[in-house]
C-alpha cells in the first residue's frame, strides 16, 4: 500500500508549529504590500503587527495565485517519492487557486500515472479550512486510510462554521469579496456586520450588531447556538484577531467560561486573509451544526 500525505496551502493558516510537528506539506501563497510580494509562511517569520500598521496607514495590499507550474512541481515533489496526496484547499468561490490546482494535478499525474492526488474544496477560509486539515491529520495518525479520510472530510466540511466581524467592510468591498451595497450600509449606520460562509463557500453578511462591545457576546452566542454534543465540536475552537487582541481575548475568555474545548487556539489573522478583511477583524471558527445558508 502506498503512503500518503495530508497537504494544504498557507491560505488555510494552520500554525507552522502544527505543520512542522505533523510533517504537513504546505504550498505557500503570495500577498503584496505596496508593491512588494511575499509568500505567507504560516507566521514563521511574519510581523503581524507591522502588516496591520501598514494597512491602517493606507498601504495597498492584494493577493494573487501562483502559476500552475508551481503547483504541479509541488505535487511532483511529493508523489515522486511514491506518496499519494490529499490536498485540502481554500474555498473555490474565493480564489482561482482551486481550479489551477485541478489543472496542475492532471499534469502531475501525466508524469506519475501510478499516483493518486485528491483535491478537496473545503468551502472554507483560513482556519475554517484548517480545521479540516487538523482533523484529517489526526485521522491519519489514528490509522485511517486515504479513502476513509477523504470521505470524512467531504462528509463533515459543512460543519466548519465561520463567524466574524470586521472594523471596515471596505477591504472586502475593494477585493470583491462582499457587495458594495452591504459595505456602504455598514459604514453609514456604524453597524458591525456579522459575516459567515455559505454552503457554497461564499462570504455573506447575515446579521449586524450595533457597536464593538456587543460583538463579543454575539459571537459567543453563535457558538452556543451551533454547538454539538460530540468530540468533533469539543476537539478544537479557534479565535482569530487582526491586530484586535483585547477584544479577541475577551471572546476567548467568554468561550472558556461557557465550553470545555479540548483545544482553544488564539491566533493572528495572516496577511493573505488580512488583505481582504483588514485590521480589527475578530472571528471564531468551530465544527458545529451544518451550515444552513
Protein backbone atom coordinates (compact mmCIF):
# COMPACT_ATOMS: atom_id res chain seq x y z
CA UNK A 1 0.00 0.00 0.00
CA UNK A 2 1.32 3.46 -0.96
CA UNK A 3 1.97 6.04 1.69
CA UNK A 4 0.04 9.30 1.56
CA UNK A 5 0.23 12.81 2.99
CA UNK A 6 -2.29 15.44 4.04
CA UNK A 7 -1.32 18.58 2.14
CA UNK A 8 -2.65 22.12 2.32
CA UNK A 9 -1.79 25.70 1.37
CA UNK A 10 -0.98 28.63 3.62
CA UNK A 11 -4.41 30.19 2.98
CA UNK A 12 -5.76 27.64 5.46
CA UNK A 13 -3.46 29.24 8.05
CA UNK A 14 -2.65 26.19 10.15
CA UNK A 15 0.10 27.14 12.62
CA UNK A 16 3.58 26.40 11.28
CA UNK A 17 4.35 24.60 14.54
CA UNK A 18 1.49 22.16 13.85
CA UNK A 19 2.60 21.74 10.22
CA UNK A 20 6.17 21.02 11.32
CA UNK A 21 5.17 18.61 14.07
CA UNK A 22 2.90 16.58 11.79
CA UNK A 23 5.03 16.91 8.62
CA UNK A 24 2.32 18.57 6.54
CA UNK A 25 3.45 19.79 3.10
CA UNK A 26 2.23 23.40 2.77
CA UNK A 27 2.08 25.26 -0.54
CA UNK A 28 2.86 28.89 0.28
CA UNK A 29 0.53 31.56 -1.12
CA UNK A 30 1.51 35.13 -2.10
CA UNK A 31 0.41 38.55 -0.93
CA UNK A 32 1.66 42.00 -1.92
CA UNK A 33 2.00 45.15 0.20
CA UNK A 34 2.98 48.41 -1.51
CA UNK A 35 4.32 46.52 -4.49
CA UNK A 36 6.44 44.01 -2.56
CA UNK A 37 5.36 40.38 -2.91
CA UNK A 38 5.87 37.87 -0.10
CA UNK A 39 4.92 34.23 0.39
CA UNK A 40 2.97 33.67 3.59
CA UNK A 41 4.90 31.18 5.69
CA UNK A 42 2.19 30.49 8.31
CA UNK A 43 3.66 33.07 10.66
CA UNK A 44 7.15 31.62 10.90
CA UNK A 45 8.73 34.97 10.01
CA UNK A 46 5.68 37.24 9.87
CA UNK A 47 5.43 40.66 11.52
CA UNK A 48 1.65 40.68 12.04
CA UNK A 49 1.64 44.00 13.92
CA UNK A 50 3.73 45.64 11.23
CA UNK A 51 1.48 44.35 8.47
CA UNK A 52 -1.70 45.73 10.03
CA UNK A 53 0.02 49.01 10.89
CA UNK A 54 0.80 49.41 7.20
CA UNK A 55 -2.83 48.73 6.28
CA UNK A 56 -4.03 51.32 8.79
CA UNK A 57 -1.60 53.80 7.24
CA UNK A 58 -3.17 53.23 3.82
CA UNK A 59 -0.80 50.72 2.24
CA UNK A 60 -2.03 49.00 -0.90
CA UNK A 61 -2.40 45.26 -0.25
CA UNK A 62 -3.53 42.45 -2.51
CA UNK A 63 -3.33 38.72 -3.06
CA UNK A 64 -2.79 36.57 -6.11
CA UNK A 65 -2.35 32.99 -7.17
CA UNK A 66 0.82 31.21 -8.16
CA UNK A 67 1.42 29.58 -11.51
CA UNK A 68 0.00 26.16 -12.39
CA UNK A 69 3.59 25.02 -12.95
CA UNK A 70 4.49 25.97 -9.36
CA UNK A 71 1.61 23.84 -8.09
CA UNK A 72 2.45 20.96 -10.44
CA UNK A 73 6.06 20.92 -9.29
CA UNK A 74 4.95 20.94 -5.65
CA UNK A 75 2.72 17.92 -6.28
CA UNK A 76 5.51 16.13 -8.13
CA UNK A 77 7.93 16.79 -5.30
CA UNK A 78 5.67 14.63 -3.14
CA UNK A 79 4.45 11.91 -5.49
CA UNK A 80 7.91 11.18 -6.93
CA UNK A 81 8.67 9.63 -3.54
CA UNK A 82 5.78 7.18 -4.02
CA UNK A 83 3.37 9.10 -1.80
CA UNK A 84 -0.22 9.96 -2.64
CA UNK A 85 -1.79 13.31 -1.75
CA UNK A 86 -4.97 14.51 -0.06
CA UNK A 87 -4.96 18.26 -0.65
CA UNK A 88 -7.42 20.28 1.47
CA UNK A 89 -7.77 23.60 -0.35
CA UNK A 90 -9.13 27.10 0.29
CA UNK A 91 -12.71 27.73 -0.95
CA UNK A 92 -13.04 27.64 -4.74
CA UNK A 93 -15.55 30.51 -4.55
CA UNK A 94 -12.98 32.96 -3.19
CA UNK A 95 -9.90 32.20 -5.26
CA UNK A 96 -8.92 30.84 -8.66
CA UNK A 97 -6.33 28.65 -6.95
CA UNK A 98 -8.59 25.59 -6.67
CA UNK A 99 -9.18 25.46 -10.44
CA UNK A 100 -5.48 25.98 -11.11
CA UNK A 101 -4.68 23.15 -8.72
CA UNK A 102 -7.03 20.81 -10.59
CA UNK A 103 -5.18 21.54 -13.82
CA UNK A 104 -1.80 21.10 -12.14
CA UNK A 105 -2.99 17.78 -10.74
CA UNK A 106 -3.72 16.47 -14.24
CA UNK A 107 -0.28 17.49 -15.47
CA UNK A 108 1.45 15.90 -12.48
CA UNK A 109 -0.45 12.64 -12.97
CA UNK A 110 0.58 12.52 -16.62
CA UNK A 111 4.16 12.28 -15.38
CA UNK A 112 3.35 9.96 -12.46
CA UNK A 113 0.29 7.94 -13.56
CA UNK A 114 0.58 5.48 -10.67
CA UNK A 115 -0.01 8.25 -8.11
CA UNK A 116 -3.24 9.48 -6.58
CA UNK A 117 -3.99 13.14 -5.84
CA UNK A 118 -7.38 14.11 -4.41
CA UNK A 119 -8.09 17.83 -4.10
CA UNK A 120 -10.89 18.74 -1.69
CA UNK A 121 -12.66 22.09 -1.99
CA UNK A 122 -13.01 22.90 1.71
CA UNK A 123 -15.65 25.60 1.10
CA UNK A 124 -13.81 27.37 3.91
CA UNK A 125 -11.26 30.07 4.54
CA UNK A 126 -8.33 30.37 6.93
CA UNK A 127 -8.60 28.03 9.91
CA UNK A 128 -12.15 27.19 8.86
CA UNK A 129 -10.43 25.10 6.21
CA UNK A 130 -7.60 24.47 8.65
CA UNK A 131 -9.99 22.68 11.00
CA UNK A 132 -10.42 20.05 8.30
CA UNK A 133 -6.65 19.76 7.92
CA UNK A 134 -6.32 19.34 11.68
CA UNK A 135 -8.90 16.54 11.84
CA UNK A 136 -7.59 14.83 8.69
CA UNK A 137 -4.10 14.70 10.20
CA UNK A 138 -5.47 13.25 13.44
CA UNK A 139 -7.39 10.60 11.49
CA UNK A 140 -4.27 9.67 9.53
CA UNK A 141 -2.32 9.28 12.75
CA UNK A 142 -5.10 7.02 14.05
CA UNK A 143 -4.51 4.74 11.07
CA UNK A 144 -7.42 5.72 8.83
CA UNK A 145 -6.99 5.04 5.12
CA UNK A 146 -6.74 7.54 2.26
CA UNK A 147 -10.34 6.90 1.19
CA UNK A 148 -11.67 6.97 4.75
CA UNK A 149 -10.15 10.39 5.35
CA UNK A 150 -11.43 11.83 2.08
CA UNK A 151 -14.91 10.53 2.91
CA UNK A 152 -14.77 12.03 6.43
CA UNK A 153 -13.69 15.45 5.20
CA UNK A 154 -16.35 15.57 2.49
CA UNK A 155 -18.99 14.46 4.99
CA UNK A 156 -18.03 16.98 7.66
CA UNK A 157 -16.87 20.08 5.79
CA UNK A 158 -20.27 21.77 6.10
CA UNK A 159 -19.76 21.63 9.87
CA UNK A 160 -16.91 24.15 9.66
CA UNK A 161 -18.53 27.41 10.77
CA UNK A 162 -17.03 30.88 10.40
CA UNK A 163 -18.45 33.80 12.39
CA UNK A 164 -16.56 37.07 12.12
CA UNK A 165 -16.86 40.83 12.37
CA UNK A 166 -14.73 43.49 10.71
CA UNK A 167 -13.95 47.10 11.58
CA UNK A 168 -14.33 48.21 7.98
CA UNK A 169 -16.05 46.48 5.10
CA UNK A 170 -14.06 48.50 2.58
CA UNK A 171 -11.33 45.84 2.37
CA UNK A 172 -13.83 43.12 1.43
CA UNK A 173 -15.59 45.51 -0.95
CA UNK A 174 -12.32 46.52 -2.64
CA UNK A 175 -11.23 42.93 -3.21
CA UNK A 176 -14.65 41.83 -4.45
CA UNK A 177 -15.44 39.51 -1.54
CA UNK A 178 -18.55 41.47 -0.48
CA UNK A 179 -21.11 43.62 -2.29
CA UNK A 180 -20.71 47.40 -2.39
CA UNK A 181 -24.25 47.86 -1.04
CA UNK A 182 -23.54 45.85 2.11
CA UNK A 183 -20.29 47.71 2.69
CA UNK A 184 -21.95 51.13 2.30
CA UNK A 185 -24.78 50.33 4.73
CA UNK A 186 -22.33 49.14 7.38
CA UNK A 187 -20.26 52.31 7.12
CA UNK A 188 -23.22 54.72 7.22
CA UNK A 189 -25.01 53.21 10.21
CA UNK A 190 -21.94 52.28 12.29
CA UNK A 191 -23.21 48.72 12.27
CA UNK A 192 -20.86 45.79 12.69
CA UNK A 193 -21.99 43.19 10.17
CA UNK A 194 -21.51 39.59 11.22
CA UNK A 195 -20.22 37.58 8.31
CA UNK A 196 -20.13 33.89 7.60
CA UNK A 197 -19.53 31.44 4.77
CA UNK A 198 -22.36 29.83 2.85
CA UNK A 199 -22.64 26.19 1.86
CA UNK A 200 -21.16 27.26 -1.49
CA UNK A 201 -18.16 28.77 0.26
CA UNK A 202 -19.02 32.43 -0.34
CA UNK A 203 -18.77 35.24 2.23
CA UNK A 204 -22.09 36.84 3.20
CA UNK A 205 -23.21 39.31 5.84
CA UNK A 206 -26.11 37.61 7.63
CA UNK A 207 -26.64 39.85 10.68
CA UNK A 208 -25.45 43.11 12.22
CA UNK A 209 -24.60 44.37 15.69
CA UNK A 210 -24.56 47.99 16.89
CA UNK A 211 -21.10 48.84 18.22
CA UNK A 212 -17.99 46.84 19.10
CA UNK A 213 -18.87 45.95 22.69
CA UNK A 214 -21.80 43.76 21.73
CA UNK A 215 -19.82 41.75 19.19
CA UNK A 216 -18.09 39.50 21.76
CA UNK A 217 -21.36 38.31 23.28
CA UNK A 218 -22.94 37.90 19.85
CA UNK A 219 -20.13 35.69 18.55
CA UNK A 220 -20.12 33.59 21.72
CA UNK A 221 -23.89 33.20 21.39
CA UNK A 222 -23.47 31.95 17.81
CA UNK A 223 -21.13 29.25 19.09
CA UNK A 224 -23.72 28.27 21.71
CA UNK A 225 -26.47 28.12 19.09
CA UNK A 226 -24.38 25.87 16.86
CA UNK A 227 -22.78 23.64 19.48
CA UNK A 228 -22.95 19.87 19.04
CA UNK A 229 -22.53 17.39 21.86
CA UNK A 230 -19.73 15.38 20.29
CA UNK A 231 -15.95 15.06 20.27
CA UNK A 232 -15.60 16.79 16.90
CA UNK A 233 -17.08 20.02 18.30
CA UNK A 234 -15.12 19.84 21.53
CA UNK A 235 -11.75 19.00 19.94
CA UNK A 236 -10.78 22.45 18.66
CA UNK A 237 -12.09 26.02 18.60
CA UNK A 238 -10.14 28.87 17.00
CA UNK A 239 -10.34 32.54 17.98
CA UNK A 240 -8.82 34.90 15.43
CA UNK A 241 -7.83 38.53 15.52
CA UNK A 242 -6.31 41.01 13.09
CA UNK A 243 -4.46 43.32 15.49
CA UNK A 244 -7.52 43.27 17.77
CA UNK A 245 -6.05 41.38 20.71
CA UNK A 246 -8.02 42.97 23.54
CA UNK A 247 -11.46 42.25 22.10
CA UNK A 248 -10.46 38.79 20.88
CA UNK A 249 -9.09 37.96 24.33
CA UNK A 250 -12.48 38.85 25.81
CA UNK A 251 -14.10 36.46 23.32
CA UNK A 252 -11.65 33.69 24.18
CA UNK A 253 -12.35 34.11 27.89
CA UNK A 254 -16.10 34.03 27.32
CA UNK A 255 -15.81 30.82 25.30
CA UNK A 256 -13.64 29.25 28.00
CA UNK A 257 -16.31 30.16 30.54
CA UNK A 258 -19.09 28.54 28.50
CA UNK A 259 -17.40 25.48 26.98
CA UNK A 260 -14.87 22.78 27.73
CA UNK A 261 -12.92 22.70 24.46
CA UNK A 262 -10.02 20.28 24.42
CA UNK A 263 -8.03 22.86 22.45
CA UNK A 264 -8.71 26.58 22.03
CA UNK A 265 -6.26 28.27 19.69
CA UNK A 266 -5.76 32.05 19.84
CA UNK A 267 -4.35 33.15 16.50
CA UNK A 268 -3.40 36.12 14.36
CA UNK A 269 -5.15 36.51 11.02
CA UNK A 270 -2.42 36.08 8.43
CA UNK A 271 -1.61 38.64 5.72
CA UNK A 272 -3.27 36.75 2.85
CA UNK A 273 -6.62 36.77 4.64
CA UNK A 274 -5.84 40.13 6.26
CA UNK A 275 -5.58 41.82 2.85
CA UNK A 276 -9.30 41.13 2.43
CA UNK A 277 -10.71 41.56 5.95
CA UNK A 278 -8.47 44.38 7.20
CA UNK A 279 -7.29 45.30 10.71
CA UNK A 280 -9.71 44.97 13.61
CA UNK A 281 -11.25 41.73 12.40
CA UNK A 282 -12.29 39.19 15.02
CA UNK A 283 -13.56 35.67 14.37
CA UNK A 284 -14.46 32.37 15.93
CA UNK A 285 -14.22 29.11 13.99
CA UNK A 286 -15.75 25.82 15.11
CA UNK A 287 -17.04 22.50 13.86
CA UNK A 288 -20.67 22.64 14.90
CA UNK A 289 -24.04 22.14 13.25
CA UNK A 290 -24.07 22.13 9.45
CA UNK A 291 -24.24 25.45 7.63
CA UNK A 292 -27.78 26.49 6.74
CA UNK A 293 -27.14 29.47 4.45
